[in-house]
Protein backbone atom coordinates (compact mmCIF):
# COMPACT_ATOMS: atom_id res chain seq x y z
CA MET A 1 0.47 0.03 0.30
CA THR A 2 0.76 3.71 0.26
CA ASP A 3 3.32 5.46 2.57
CA HIS A 4 2.01 9.06 2.23
CA ARG A 5 -0.93 10.83 1.43
CA GLU A 6 -1.98 14.70 2.12
CA THR A 7 -4.86 16.60 3.46
CA SER A 8 -5.76 20.23 3.56
CA VAL A 9 -7.24 23.03 3.95
CA PRO A 10 -5.61 25.31 1.84
CA ALA A 11 -3.47 28.26 0.95
CA HIS A 12 -0.20 28.90 3.32
CA PRO A 13 3.41 29.53 3.10
CA THR A 14 5.20 26.24 3.11
CA ASP A 15 7.93 28.19 4.98
CA PRO A 16 7.20 27.54 8.27
CA ALA A 17 9.48 30.74 9.79
CA ARG A 18 7.46 32.99 7.27
CA ALA A 19 3.55 31.18 8.33
CA THR A 20 2.08 34.44 8.67
CA ASP A 21 0.03 34.52 5.56
CA ARG A 22 -3.78 35.54 6.29
CA ASP A 23 -5.41 36.79 3.53
CA PRO A 24 -4.82 33.80 1.60
CA GLN A 25 -4.53 33.32 -2.33
CA ARG A 26 -8.02 32.71 -3.78
CA LEU A 27 -7.64 30.37 -7.20
CA ARG A 28 -10.40 30.42 -10.09
CA LEU A 29 -10.44 27.03 -11.59
CA ARG A 30 -11.78 27.07 -15.11
CA GLY A 31 -9.64 24.37 -16.66
CA PRO A 32 -7.20 21.88 -16.70
CA ASP A 33 -4.51 24.66 -16.76
CA ASP A 34 -5.99 26.04 -13.82
CA LEU A 35 -5.86 22.49 -11.88
CA LEU A 36 -2.52 22.08 -13.02
CA ALA A 37 -1.52 25.56 -11.65
CA ALA A 38 -3.72 25.36 -8.37
CA VAL A 39 -2.15 21.44 -7.18
CA PRO A 40 1.25 22.65 -6.51
CA LEU A 41 0.53 25.75 -5.07
CA VAL A 42 -1.89 23.72 -2.48
CA LEU A 43 0.09 21.23 -1.59
CA GLY A 44 3.24 23.36 -1.27
CA PHE A 45 5.15 21.38 -4.03
CA THR A 46 4.67 19.66 -7.20
CA PRO A 47 3.27 15.71 -6.69
CA SER A 48 4.59 13.26 -9.01
CA ASP A 49 3.67 9.58 -8.81
CA SER A 50 0.34 10.91 -7.09
CA LEU A 51 -3.68 10.77 -7.67
CA VAL A 52 -4.37 14.26 -6.15
CA VAL A 53 -8.24 15.63 -5.73
CA LEU A 54 -9.13 19.55 -5.00
CA THR A 55 -12.77 19.72 -3.67
CA PHE A 56 -14.56 23.57 -4.13
CA GLY A 57 -15.53 26.33 -2.36
CA ALA A 58 -14.63 26.91 0.67
CA ASN A 59 -11.39 27.80 2.01
CA GLY A 60 -9.25 28.87 -0.81
CA VAL A 61 -10.29 27.48 -4.28
CA SER A 62 -13.09 29.28 -5.95
CA SER A 63 -15.87 26.99 -7.50
CA PRO A 64 -14.71 26.05 -11.04
CA GLU A 65 -16.06 28.02 -14.01
CA ARG A 66 -18.58 25.52 -15.41
CA SER A 67 -21.76 25.76 -17.02
CA GLY A 68 -24.21 24.97 -14.18
CA SER A 69 -21.75 24.59 -11.68
CA GLY A 70 -23.34 27.47 -9.47
CA ALA A 71 -21.90 30.50 -7.88
CA PRO A 72 -18.35 30.18 -5.00
CA ARG A 73 -20.02 28.82 -1.59
CA ASP A 74 -19.03 30.91 1.94
CA PRO A 75 -15.84 29.87 2.84
CA GLU A 76 -17.94 28.63 5.77
CA ASP A 77 -19.83 25.84 4.08
CA GLY A 78 -17.17 23.62 4.59
CA PRO A 79 -13.68 22.49 4.63
CA GLY A 80 -12.40 22.87 1.32
CA LEU A 81 -10.93 19.39 1.23
CA HIS A 82 -7.50 18.97 -0.98
CA LEU A 83 -6.07 15.24 -1.47
CA ARG A 84 -3.16 13.93 -2.24
CA ILE A 85 -1.76 9.85 -2.02
CA ASP A 86 1.22 7.96 -3.63
CA LEU A 87 -0.43 5.72 -6.94
CA PRO A 88 0.02 1.50 -5.75
CA ALA A 89 3.44 -0.33 -6.93
CA ASP A 90 0.24 -3.15 -6.98
CA PRO A 91 -2.67 -1.88 -9.66
CA ALA A 92 -4.64 -4.59 -7.10
CA ASP A 93 -4.38 -1.37 -4.29
CA LEU A 94 -6.04 0.80 -7.03
CA PRO A 95 -9.39 0.55 -4.89
CA LEU A 96 -8.09 1.11 -1.58
CA VAL A 97 -6.36 4.93 -2.82
CA VAL A 98 -9.66 5.83 -4.26
CA GLU A 99 -11.75 5.14 -1.46
CA GLU A 100 -8.90 6.43 1.36
CA VAL A 101 -9.72 10.31 -1.51
CA VAL A 102 -13.34 10.12 -1.87
CA ALA A 103 -14.56 8.88 1.51
CA PRO A 104 -13.57 12.14 3.42
CA CYS A 105 -15.83 13.60 -0.19
CA ARG A 106 -18.35 11.47 1.33
CA ARG A 107 -17.91 12.64 4.88
CA TYR A 108 -17.56 15.96 4.36
CA GLY A 109 -20.65 16.68 1.91
CA VAL A 110 -18.36 17.42 -1.02
CA ALA A 111 -20.15 18.44 -4.51
CA ILE A 112 -17.85 19.34 -6.23
CA VAL A 113 -14.21 18.08 -7.44
CA ALA A 114 -11.69 17.93 -9.97
CA ALA A 115 -8.66 15.38 -9.85
CA VAL A 116 -5.30 14.93 -11.66
CA VAL A 117 -3.48 11.52 -11.90
CA TYR A 118 0.35 12.21 -11.80
CA SER A 119 2.14 9.75 -13.80
CA ASP A 120 3.62 8.51 -17.01
CA ASP A 121 1.72 5.40 -16.91
CA HIS A 122 -1.09 5.61 -18.91
CA ALA A 123 -2.76 2.56 -18.14
CA LEU A 124 -2.58 2.83 -14.51
CA ALA A 125 -3.26 6.62 -14.97
CA GLU A 126 -6.74 5.41 -16.94
CA ALA A 127 -7.45 2.73 -14.32
CA THR A 128 -7.69 5.24 -11.16
CA ALA A 129 -9.64 7.64 -13.41
CA ASP A 130 -12.57 4.59 -13.82
CA GLY A 131 -12.52 4.08 -10.52
CA LEU A 132 -12.37 7.39 -9.37
CA ALA A 133 -15.41 8.56 -11.40
CA GLU A 134 -17.24 5.28 -10.36
CA ALA A 135 -16.90 5.93 -6.71
CA PHE A 136 -17.93 10.08 -7.19
CA ASP A 137 -20.61 8.68 -9.40
CA GLU A 138 -21.95 6.50 -6.46
CA ALA A 139 -21.30 9.29 -4.28
CA GLY A 140 -23.06 11.87 -5.92
CA ILE A 141 -20.09 13.65 -6.32
CA ARG A 142 -19.71 16.10 -9.50
CA VAL A 143 -16.34 15.50 -11.58
CA VAL A 144 -15.53 18.60 -13.59
CA ASP A 145 -12.07 17.31 -14.69
CA LEU A 146 -9.99 14.49 -14.05
CA VAL A 147 -6.90 14.38 -16.51
CA ARG A 148 -3.44 13.07 -16.12
CA ALA A 149 -0.08 14.85 -16.38
CA ASP A 150 3.24 13.79 -16.85
CA GLY A 151 5.11 16.69 -16.13
CA SER A 152 4.78 18.20 -19.42
CA HIS A 153 1.28 17.14 -20.79
CA TRP A 154 -1.99 16.93 -19.77
CA PHE A 155 -4.12 13.67 -20.81
CA ALA A 156 -7.92 13.84 -20.75
CA LEU A 157 -9.08 10.44 -18.53
CA ALA A 158 -13.01 10.95 -18.65
CA ALA A 159 -16.12 13.18 -19.56
CA GLY A 160 -16.25 15.98 -16.99
CA GLY A 161 -16.65 19.96 -17.12
CA GLY A 162 -15.75 20.41 -20.77
CA VAL A 163 -13.24 18.00 -21.42
CA ASP A 164 -13.99 15.76 -23.46
CA PRO A 165 -11.59 12.42 -23.81
CA GLY A 166 -12.36 12.31 -27.67
CA ALA A 167 -10.89 15.55 -28.60
CA GLY A 168 -7.71 17.18 -28.22
CA ASP A 169 -4.03 15.84 -29.53
CA PRO A 170 -3.64 12.67 -28.26
CA GLN A 171 -0.37 13.38 -27.39
CA GLY A 172 -1.50 15.39 -25.01
CA THR A 173 -1.90 19.21 -24.45
CA PRO A 174 1.22 21.21 -23.73
CA TYR A 175 1.42 23.19 -19.94
CA ASP A 176 3.60 24.61 -17.63
CA ALA A 177 2.50 25.33 -14.66
CA GLY A 178 5.43 27.21 -13.38
CA SER A 179 4.69 30.34 -16.08
CA HIS A 180 0.60 30.40 -14.96
CA PRO A 181 -0.54 33.71 -13.64
CA ALA A 182 -1.23 31.94 -10.01
CA ARG A 183 2.09 30.91 -9.73
CA THR A 184 3.91 34.82 -10.20
CA GLU A 185 1.00 35.78 -7.87
CA ALA A 186 2.10 33.61 -5.72
CA VAL A 187 5.64 34.32 -5.68
CA VAL A 188 4.59 37.96 -4.96
CA ARG A 189 2.70 37.32 -2.02
CA GLY A 190 6.39 35.31 -1.24
CA ARG A 191 4.95 31.52 -1.36
CA VAL A 192 7.11 29.06 -2.31
CA VAL A 193 6.40 25.97 -4.48
CA HIS A 194 8.91 23.15 -3.84
CA ALA A 195 10.05 20.54 -6.97
CA SER A 196 8.90 17.33 -4.73
CA ARG A 197 7.66 16.29 -1.47
CA ALA A 198 11.35 15.33 -0.33
CA ASP A 199 11.93 19.43 -0.88
CA LEU A 200 9.25 20.24 1.41
CA ALA A 201 10.27 17.73 3.71
CA ALA A 202 13.72 19.02 3.58
CA LEU A 203 12.00 22.24 5.17
CA LEU A 204 12.37 20.13 8.84
CA ASP A 205 15.88 18.95 8.40
CA PRO A 206 18.45 19.86 11.54
CA LEU A 207 20.68 22.51 10.99
CA PRO A 208 24.19 22.09 10.71
CA ARG A 209 25.79 20.63 13.53
CA PRO A 210 27.28 24.08 14.64
CA ARG A 211 23.75 26.09 14.70
CA ARG A 212 22.39 22.93 17.11
CA ALA A 213 25.44 22.55 19.29
CA GLY A 214 23.89 25.41 21.93
CA VAL A 215 20.58 23.36 22.24
CA GLU A 216 22.73 20.06 22.56
CA ARG A 217 25.06 21.47 25.14
CA ALA A 218 21.92 22.52 27.31
CA VAL A 219 20.22 19.19 27.71
CA ALA A 220 23.07 17.48 28.09
CA MET A 221 22.85 20.22 30.94
CA GLU A 222 19.28 19.87 32.03
CA ARG A 223 20.24 15.82 32.25
CA TYR A 224 23.23 16.55 34.24
CA ARG A 225 21.42 18.18 36.57
CA GLN A 226 18.31 15.53 37.45
CA LEU A 227 15.83 17.99 38.08
CA PRO A 228 12.34 17.31 39.00
CA ARG A 229 10.15 17.42 36.25
CA THR A 230 6.92 16.05 37.06
CA GLY A 231 5.29 18.89 39.18
CA PRO A 232 2.70 21.73 38.34
CA ALA A 233 5.23 24.30 37.93
CA GLU A 234 7.24 22.63 35.15
CA SER A 235 3.55 22.81 33.33
CA ALA A 236 3.43 26.30 33.87
CA TRP A 237 7.05 27.69 33.27
CA VAL A 238 6.27 25.24 29.81
CA THR A 239 2.49 27.18 28.86
CA THR A 240 3.56 30.94 29.80
CA THR A 241 6.94 30.29 28.01
CA VAL A 242 5.15 29.36 24.74
CA GLU A 243 2.81 32.16 24.86
CA ARG A 244 5.80 34.67 25.52
CA VAL A 245 8.03 33.28 22.39
CA THR A 246 4.31 32.92 20.42
CA ALA A 247 3.66 36.38 20.78
CA VAL A 248 6.69 37.89 19.05
CA THR A 249 5.45 37.47 15.22
CA ASP A 250 6.75 39.95 13.42
CA GLY A 251 10.32 41.03 16.03
CA PRO A 252 13.45 42.37 14.04
CA ASP A 253 15.21 38.53 13.85
CA GLY A 254 11.63 37.42 12.37
CA PRO A 255 9.28 35.36 14.86
CA GLY A 256 10.18 34.73 18.32
CA VAL A 257 12.96 31.95 19.30
CA LEU A 258 13.91 29.80 22.65
CA THR A 259 17.24 30.37 24.09
CA ASP A 260 19.67 27.95 23.74
CA ASP A 261 18.99 26.96 27.52
CA GLU A 262 15.10 27.30 27.13
CA ALA A 263 15.35 24.93 24.63
CA GLY A 264 17.34 22.96 26.55
CA ARG A 265 14.74 22.52 29.18
CA MET A 266 11.56 22.57 26.69
CA LEU A 267 12.96 19.41 24.85
CA LEU A 268 13.09 16.97 28.41
CA ALA A 269 9.23 18.83 29.59
CA LEU A 270 8.16 17.24 26.43
CA GLU A 271 8.98 14.40 27.42
CA ILE A 272 6.47 14.23 29.67
CA GLY A 273 3.08 14.03 28.93
CA GLN A 274 1.23 16.75 31.34
CA HIS A 275 4.14 19.42 29.80
CA ARG A 276 3.22 18.70 26.38
CA ASP A 277 -0.60 19.02 26.64
CA ALA A 278 0.74 22.34 28.72
CA SER A 279 2.47 23.45 25.38
CA TRP A 280 -0.90 24.00 23.54
CA VAL A 281 -3.36 25.55 26.03
CA HIS A 282 -2.96 28.62 23.83
CA LEU A 283 -2.90 27.24 20.21
CA THR A 284 -5.83 28.38 17.96
CA ARG A 285 -6.07 28.57 14.46
CA GLU A 286 -5.34 32.05 14.51
CA THR A 287 -2.35 31.47 16.98
CA SER A 288 -0.89 28.71 14.83
CA ALA A 289 1.44 30.20 12.18
CA ALA A 290 3.41 31.68 15.52
CA HIS A 291 3.22 28.09 16.91
CA LEU A 292 4.05 26.81 13.96
CA ALA A 293 7.31 29.09 13.31
CA LEU A 294 8.14 27.70 17.45
CA TRP A 295 7.78 24.44 17.12
CA SER A 296 9.84 23.82 13.82
CA ASP A 297 12.62 25.69 15.29
CA LEU A 298 12.92 23.87 17.61
CA LEU A 299 12.31 20.19 15.67
CA ARG A 300 15.54 21.68 13.33
CA ARG A 301 17.72 22.93 16.35
CA SER A 302 17.14 19.28 18.86
CA PRO A 303 19.45 16.29 19.03
CA ALA A 304 18.76 13.16 18.00
CA GLY A 305 16.43 11.39 20.86
CA VAL A 306 14.65 14.35 21.46
CA ARG A 307 12.78 14.89 18.38
CA ALA A 308 9.13 13.32 18.53
CA ALA A 309 7.63 15.91 20.35
CA PRO A 310 8.60 18.94 18.67
CA ALA A 311 8.08 17.24 15.34
CA ALA A 312 4.27 16.28 16.42
CA LEU A 313 4.04 19.96 17.40
CA THR A 314 4.89 20.94 14.23
CA GLY A 315 2.20 18.38 13.16
CA LEU A 316 -0.65 19.78 14.72
CA ALA A 317 0.32 23.52 14.33
CA ALA A 318 0.11 23.20 10.29
CA TRP A 319 -2.60 20.80 10.13
CA LEU A 320 -4.30 24.06 12.17
CA HIS A 321 -2.15 26.14 9.97
CA GLY A 322 -4.03 24.69 6.76
CA ASN A 323 -0.87 23.11 5.74
CA GLY A 324 -1.76 19.09 5.77
CA ALA A 325 1.49 18.22 3.88
CA LEU A 326 3.53 19.75 6.29
CA ALA A 327 1.92 18.40 8.88
CA TRP A 328 2.57 14.35 7.48
CA CYS A 329 6.02 15.31 7.07
CA ALA A 330 6.13 16.11 10.61
CA VAL A 331 4.29 13.22 11.76
CA ASP A 332 6.68 11.13 9.83
CA ARG A 333 9.64 12.48 11.48
CA CYS A 334 7.76 11.87 14.78
CA LEU A 335 7.18 8.34 14.37
CA ALA A 336 10.53 7.89 12.74
CA GLU A 337 11.31 8.26 16.33
CA VAL A 338 8.77 7.25 18.69
CA PRO A 339 6.28 4.96 16.77
CA GLN A 340 3.99 4.62 19.32
CA HIS A 341 3.83 8.62 19.99
CA GLY A 342 0.77 9.69 21.59
CA LEU A 343 0.34 12.72 20.11
CA GLY A 344 1.93 11.91 16.66
CA ARG A 345 0.16 9.40 16.27
CA LEU A 346 -3.39 11.49 17.04
CA VAL A 347 -2.06 14.23 14.58
CA GLY A 348 -1.37 11.58 11.92
CA ASP A 349 -5.23 9.73 12.56
CA LEU A 350 -6.88 13.64 12.36
CA LEU A 351 -4.92 13.68 8.82
CA ALA A 352 -6.18 10.41 7.41
CA ALA A 353 -9.50 11.03 8.90
CA ALA A 354 -9.14 14.90 6.72
CA THR A 355 -10.43 16.00 9.97
CA PRO A 356 -11.37 20.26 8.83
CA PRO A 357 -9.19 22.51 11.52
CA SER A 358 -12.37 23.64 13.18
CA TRP A 359 -13.05 20.33 15.05
CA TRP A 360 -9.88 22.16 16.80
CA ASP A 361 -12.17 25.01 17.96
CA GLN A 362 -15.79 23.16 17.92
CA THR A 363 -13.54 20.72 21.27
CA ALA A 364 -11.81 23.18 23.25
CA GLU A 365 -13.67 23.50 26.53
CA VAL A 366 -13.61 19.74 26.13
CA ARG A 367 -9.52 19.39 25.65
CA ARG A 368 -8.97 21.97 28.43
CA SER A 369 -11.52 20.64 30.83
CA PRO A 370 -9.80 18.46 33.81
CA ALA A 371 -9.37 15.08 33.62
């Protein structure tokens, strides 16, 4: 089966240190060329060997301009899901891949979708499209575009919107997502589109050793001191420190960061569940950009062995900020170090279920109530 899948509501910057965009770029799709330009902007990277499904009306992508599609819905009408999943190595797994992208669309009442199969294998793409079109039809979900893209040409796979699979050049229609006006607007806004998922994940790579040395020394010193860390005072320190640092979003040196000594103490505190819970007391969708900057910075400065918690918190903040792809990358980092990490697995479950970030607000009182 597949290893990577992304769900998100767009469309925010993919650089964690600059994730402060509160005016998301809205993308209007008029056909496959616009669709192929939108996908990398939504995901933050250009996919390959993937199935991508965009849904319409809410949170960043307007309704496609198709006859009978209706006016764009209000942004509060739904989660605006956008999904990506690796294509399987074994075609026998295609039904599972199709179900993983169709199920969230059914769950959240999606009405209109467009899909791209990124692949050089036309037979695999056609089989994927057949299964997808059938599943969406059974779910009563309208497909306006369904195409295969190989990086330079797109090919219509099934009837949808104004795309006729029997029309056009059988060799495909050339496209250049990089020169599309939407990409130009994204550049002006300071948003970055990465060449691949690996390049996006590299945003969370450890900093060079000299830039991590101070935190590594601080962690070693904190372990040497062997101070008790289980009391409420440590939880209070975690909460107030996070609140202070995340309050700095536009300082002369950029977003707020922990000192090396604070980082060392924080990393050891986060290994204890009650303190880790205290770290996200003030985490909301409105504060998610500052938390994403804080935890991704700490993750990159952390020595091996204590990276799981800041990775999980990076994933949580990225999900709330609408960047599902980066959230998955962070979850991968977390579970690679601690496979049964509670928060990391929780974030992964939220992403796998395509849970909208609005859920976080709806459950705030329950999460903050005493056990």
